[in-house]
Amino acid sequence: MGRRGAFRGAHVSDNPPMVRIVGWLWWMGRIMITPVFRWIYRVRVVGVERVPDHGATLFVANHISMWDPPMIGYALAPRRRVYSMAKRELLTIPLVGRVFANAGVFPVDRGGADLSAIRTARRLLSEGEALLMFPEGTRHTDGNLGPAWPGAGALARVEGVQVMPILVSRAQRRFGPVRVAIGAPLDFSDLPKGSRSAQSQAVANRMMEAIGALRERSPGDTNV
């Protein structure tokens, strides 16, 4: 999403996507991915007890691997079913796109603000759902945290939304071990006043600071 403002220069699709989470499909996916993430990638989840089991929740995470969305979904599964965005090209693949749309995934156009995706995200949050976003907007496979784009910050300002940071560590390694750390809800009440775009950017920056603060401090486990 463009830095010139959360939604400036935006793209609007004529037909906003219909996205939902079909119960049986969600459970089947969970059953299929659990052995992979538990025994091959050796995913360790920290802080799942912090996840609220209801209410509008925006999870914001760093992005280092294509496996990040399903790994985070796996980490949150004991408490929440989570919606997420994916590049539009994936959802145009026959059958795959339909499966994704029924598993809580909706399309977003990269390279600019996609108002259709933003509207879908706002609708889901207004309905009390959980949504996953990556404030960096792209993957950083070197493990470093990238700069934040304002789109996630704009969604965090929707009334009643709880924002929770997540740090994914070592997901870019073939066999892990992967660590998914879930932080405490963020408080933006002390942000200085400013324009809407400035506020959104400030919130997005605060998100990345909170994600970085989740790095494990024990020896040998300090790098993403």
Protein backbone atom coordinates (compact mmCIF):
# COMPACT_ATOMS: atom_id res chain seq x y z
CA MET A 1 0.00 0.00 0.00
CA GLY A 2 1.38 3.34 -1.04
CA ARG A 3 3.36 5.48 1.39
CA ARG A 4 1.77 8.67 0.09
CA GLY A 5 -1.25 7.86 2.18
CA ALA A 6 -3.06 4.74 3.16
CA PHE A 7 -5.31 4.68 0.11
CA ARG A 8 -4.04 7.30 -2.35
CA GLY A 9 -3.64 6.07 -5.93
CA ALA A 10 -5.82 3.14 -5.04
CA HIS A 11 -7.17 0.39 -7.24
CA VAL A 12 -10.83 -0.53 -6.91
CA SER A 13 -12.20 -3.84 -8.18
CA ASP A 14 -15.68 -3.79 -9.69
CA ASN A 15 -16.70 -6.90 -7.77
CA PRO A 16 -15.47 -7.00 -4.16
CA PRO A 17 -14.52 -10.59 -3.28
CA MET A 18 -16.80 -12.80 -1.24
CA VAL A 19 -14.65 -14.52 1.36
CA ARG A 20 -15.60 -16.90 4.12
CA ILE A 21 -14.21 -19.70 6.25
CA VAL A 22 -16.00 -22.99 5.63
CA GLY A 23 -15.82 -25.05 8.79
CA TRP A 24 -15.12 -28.47 7.31
CA LEU A 25 -12.50 -27.07 4.94
CA TRP A 26 -10.75 -25.26 7.79
CA TRP A 27 -10.65 -28.42 9.89
CA MET A 28 -9.39 -30.52 6.98
CA GLY A 29 -6.62 -28.01 6.31
CA ARG A 30 -5.66 -27.98 9.96
CA ILE A 31 -5.46 -31.77 10.06
CA MET A 32 -3.26 -31.81 6.94
CA ILE A 33 -0.79 -29.11 8.00
CA THR A 34 -0.40 -30.06 11.66
CA PRO A 35 2.06 -32.97 11.07
CA VAL A 36 4.10 -30.84 8.65
CA PHE A 37 4.48 -27.89 11.01
CA ARG A 38 4.80 -29.92 14.19
CA TRP A 39 7.37 -32.51 13.09
CA ILE A 40 9.08 -31.20 9.94
CA TYR A 41 9.27 -27.46 10.59
CA ARG A 42 9.10 -28.01 14.36
CA VAL A 43 7.00 -24.91 14.96
CA ARG A 44 7.09 -23.68 18.56
CA VAL A 45 4.36 -21.24 19.57
CA VAL A 46 4.86 -18.73 22.37
CA GLY A 47 2.07 -16.58 23.80
CA VAL A 48 -1.00 -18.30 22.32
CA GLU A 49 -2.75 -17.78 25.67
CA ARG A 50 -2.82 -14.05 24.85
CA VAL A 51 -5.03 -14.56 21.79
CA PRO A 52 -8.64 -13.44 22.38
CA ASP A 53 -11.18 -16.06 21.38
CA HIS A 54 -13.61 -13.49 20.01
CA GLY A 55 -13.87 -9.87 18.89
CA ALA A 56 -12.28 -7.85 16.09
CA THR A 57 -8.57 -8.62 16.14
CA LEU A 58 -5.84 -7.51 13.76
CA PHE A 59 -2.73 -9.71 13.90
CA VAL A 60 0.34 -8.03 12.40
CA ALA A 61 3.50 -10.01 11.66
CA ASN A 62 6.87 -9.85 9.96
CA HIS A 63 7.14 -11.63 6.62
CA ILE A 64 10.12 -13.86 5.80
CA SER A 65 8.64 -16.86 3.99
CA MET A 66 5.70 -17.96 1.85
CA TRP A 67 4.92 -20.32 4.74
CA ASP A 68 4.25 -17.45 7.16
CA PRO A 69 0.44 -17.25 6.67
CA PRO A 70 -0.29 -20.97 7.19
CA MET A 71 2.24 -21.19 10.03
CA ILE A 72 0.60 -18.27 11.80
CA GLY A 73 -2.81 -19.79 11.12
CA TYR A 74 -1.54 -23.01 12.68
CA ALA A 75 -0.25 -21.10 15.72
CA LEU A 76 -3.56 -19.29 16.23
CA ALA A 77 -5.80 -22.28 15.45
CA PRO A 78 -6.34 -23.34 19.08
CA ARG A 79 -8.01 -19.96 19.72
CA ARG A 80 -9.04 -18.29 16.43
CA ARG A 81 -9.75 -18.77 12.75
CA VAL A 82 -8.01 -15.99 10.88
CA TYR A 83 -8.60 -14.30 7.52
CA SER A 84 -5.70 -13.08 5.37
CA MET A 85 -4.80 -11.45 2.05
CA ALA A 86 -2.88 -13.04 -0.82
CA LYS A 87 -1.69 -11.72 -4.15
CA ARG A 88 -4.50 -11.73 -6.68
CA GLU A 89 -2.64 -14.06 -9.07
CA LEU A 90 -2.97 -16.96 -6.62
CA LEU A 91 -6.73 -16.65 -6.43
CA THR A 92 -7.14 -16.70 -10.21
CA ILE A 93 -5.82 -20.28 -10.41
CA PRO A 94 -8.75 -22.64 -11.14
CA LEU A 95 -9.91 -24.59 -8.08
CA VAL A 96 -7.04 -23.21 -5.95
CA GLY A 97 -8.65 -19.79 -5.92
CA ARG A 98 -12.00 -21.23 -4.85
CA VAL A 99 -10.39 -23.23 -2.05
CA PHE A 100 -8.54 -20.14 -0.82
CA ALA A 101 -11.70 -18.01 -0.92
CA ASN A 102 -13.47 -20.60 1.24
CA ALA A 103 -10.53 -20.78 3.62
CA GLY A 104 -10.58 -17.10 4.53
CA VAL A 105 -8.14 -15.79 1.90
CA PHE A 106 -9.02 -12.78 -0.26
CA PRO A 107 -7.08 -11.10 -3.07
CA VAL A 108 -5.02 -7.92 -2.95
CA ASP A 109 -3.26 -6.13 -5.79
CA ARG A 110 0.39 -5.49 -5.01
CA GLY A 111 2.20 -2.29 -5.89
CA GLY A 112 -0.52 0.08 -4.74
CA ALA A 113 -3.41 0.46 -2.34
CA ASP A 114 -6.27 -1.89 -3.25
CA LEU A 115 -9.49 -0.34 -1.95
CA SER A 116 -11.48 -3.52 -2.56
CA ALA A 117 -9.12 -5.46 -0.30
CA ILE A 118 -9.22 -2.70 2.30
CA ARG A 119 -13.02 -2.67 2.25
CA THR A 120 -13.11 -6.43 2.68
CA ALA A 121 -10.66 -6.16 5.59
CA ARG A 122 -12.72 -3.41 7.22
CA ARG A 123 -15.91 -5.43 6.80
CA LEU A 124 -14.37 -8.50 8.41
CA LEU A 125 -13.10 -6.48 11.36
CA SER A 126 -16.46 -4.73 11.76
CA GLU A 127 -18.05 -8.19 11.97
CA GLY A 128 -15.72 -9.13 14.82
CA GLU A 129 -13.45 -11.42 12.82
CA ALA A 130 -9.68 -11.93 13.08
CA LEU A 131 -7.42 -10.69 10.28
CA LEU A 132 -3.71 -11.25 9.56
CA MET A 133 -1.62 -8.57 7.84
CA PHE A 134 2.06 -8.02 7.10
CA PRO A 135 2.87 -4.30 7.57
CA GLU A 136 6.09 -4.66 5.55
CA GLY A 137 4.03 -5.54 2.47
CA THR A 138 6.65 -7.96 1.12
CA ARG A 139 9.00 -10.72 2.27
CA HIS A 140 12.44 -10.04 3.77
CA THR A 141 14.17 -13.41 3.59
CA ASP A 142 17.37 -12.12 5.20
CA GLY A 143 15.55 -12.00 8.53
CA ASN A 144 15.73 -8.23 8.92
CA LEU A 145 12.57 -6.26 9.59
CA GLY A 146 11.57 -3.93 6.76
CA PRO A 147 9.85 -0.53 6.90
CA ALA A 148 6.13 -0.39 7.56
CA TRP A 149 3.52 0.73 5.05
CA PRO A 150 0.52 2.72 6.35
CA GLY A 151 -2.29 0.38 5.22
CA ALA A 152 -2.15 -1.86 8.29
CA GLY A 153 -1.99 1.25 10.45
CA ALA A 154 -5.21 2.54 8.90
CA LEU A 155 -7.01 -0.72 9.68
CA ALA A 156 -5.76 -0.61 13.27
CA ARG A 157 -7.61 2.65 13.71
CA VAL A 158 -11.00 1.02 13.05
CA GLU A 159 -13.07 1.38 16.20
CA GLY A 160 -13.01 -1.60 18.54
CA VAL A 161 -10.12 -3.41 16.85
CA GLN A 162 -7.54 -5.10 19.05
CA VAL A 163 -4.04 -5.22 17.50
CA MET A 164 -1.60 -7.99 18.36
CA PRO A 165 2.00 -8.33 17.10
CA ILE A 166 3.51 -11.63 15.95
CA LEU A 167 7.15 -12.45 15.25
CA VAL A 168 7.98 -15.43 13.01
CA SER A 169 11.56 -16.67 13.32
CA ARG A 170 13.52 -18.96 10.97
CA ALA A 171 10.57 -19.87 8.72
CA GLN A 172 12.85 -19.41 5.69
CA ARG A 173 14.93 -22.40 6.77
CA ARG A 174 13.98 -25.69 5.17
CA PHE A 175 13.52 -27.66 8.38
CA GLY A 176 13.22 -24.98 11.06
CA PRO A 177 12.95 -25.00 13.96
CA VAL A 178 10.42 -22.17 13.62
CA ARG A 179 9.30 -19.95 16.47
CA VAL A 180 6.03 -18.00 16.38
CA ALA A 181 5.85 -15.47 19.22
CA ILE A 182 2.56 -13.69 19.93
CA GLY A 183 2.78 -10.43 21.83
CA ALA A 184 0.38 -8.52 24.04
CA PRO A 185 -2.27 -6.17 22.54
CA LEU A 186 -0.89 -2.81 21.45
CA ASP A 187 -1.95 0.55 22.83
CA PHE A 188 -1.92 3.54 20.48
CA SER A 189 -3.57 6.04 22.81
CA ASP A 190 -0.36 8.02 23.29
CA LEU A 191 0.26 8.74 19.61
CA PRO A 192 0.66 12.46 18.79
CA LYS A 193 -2.09 14.15 16.79
CA GLY A 194 -1.62 14.54 13.06
CA SER A 195 -3.18 13.94 9.66
CA ARG A 196 -4.91 10.65 8.94
CA SER A 197 -2.01 9.42 6.79
CA ALA A 198 0.54 10.48 9.41
CA GLN A 199 -1.42 8.68 12.12
CA SER A 200 -1.66 5.52 10.01
CA GLN A 201 2.09 5.57 9.36
CA ALA A 202 2.84 6.15 13.04
CA VAL A 203 0.64 3.21 14.01
CA ALA A 204 2.31 0.97 11.39
CA ASN A 205 5.74 1.99 12.68
CA ARG A 206 4.67 1.14 16.23
CA MET A 207 3.55 -2.28 14.98
CA MET A 208 6.99 -3.06 13.58
CA GLU A 209 8.66 -1.89 16.80
CA ALA A 210 6.44 -4.27 18.78
CA ILE A 211 7.20 -7.14 16.39
CA GLY A 212 10.94 -6.51 16.76
CA ALA A 213 10.61 -6.47 20.54
CA LEU A 214 9.44 -10.11 20.43
CA ARG A 215 12.86 -11.39 19.40
CA GLU A 216 13.91 -14.10 21.82
CA ARG A 217 16.74 -12.96 24.08
CA SER A 218 18.31 -16.33 24.87
CA PRO A 219 21.76 -17.15 23.37
CA GLY A 220 21.65 -18.64 19.90
CA ASP A 221 18.06 -17.55 19.26
CA THR A 222 18.34 -13.83 18.68
CA ASN A 223 17.97 -13.72 14.91
CA VAL A 224 14.83 -13.87 12.83
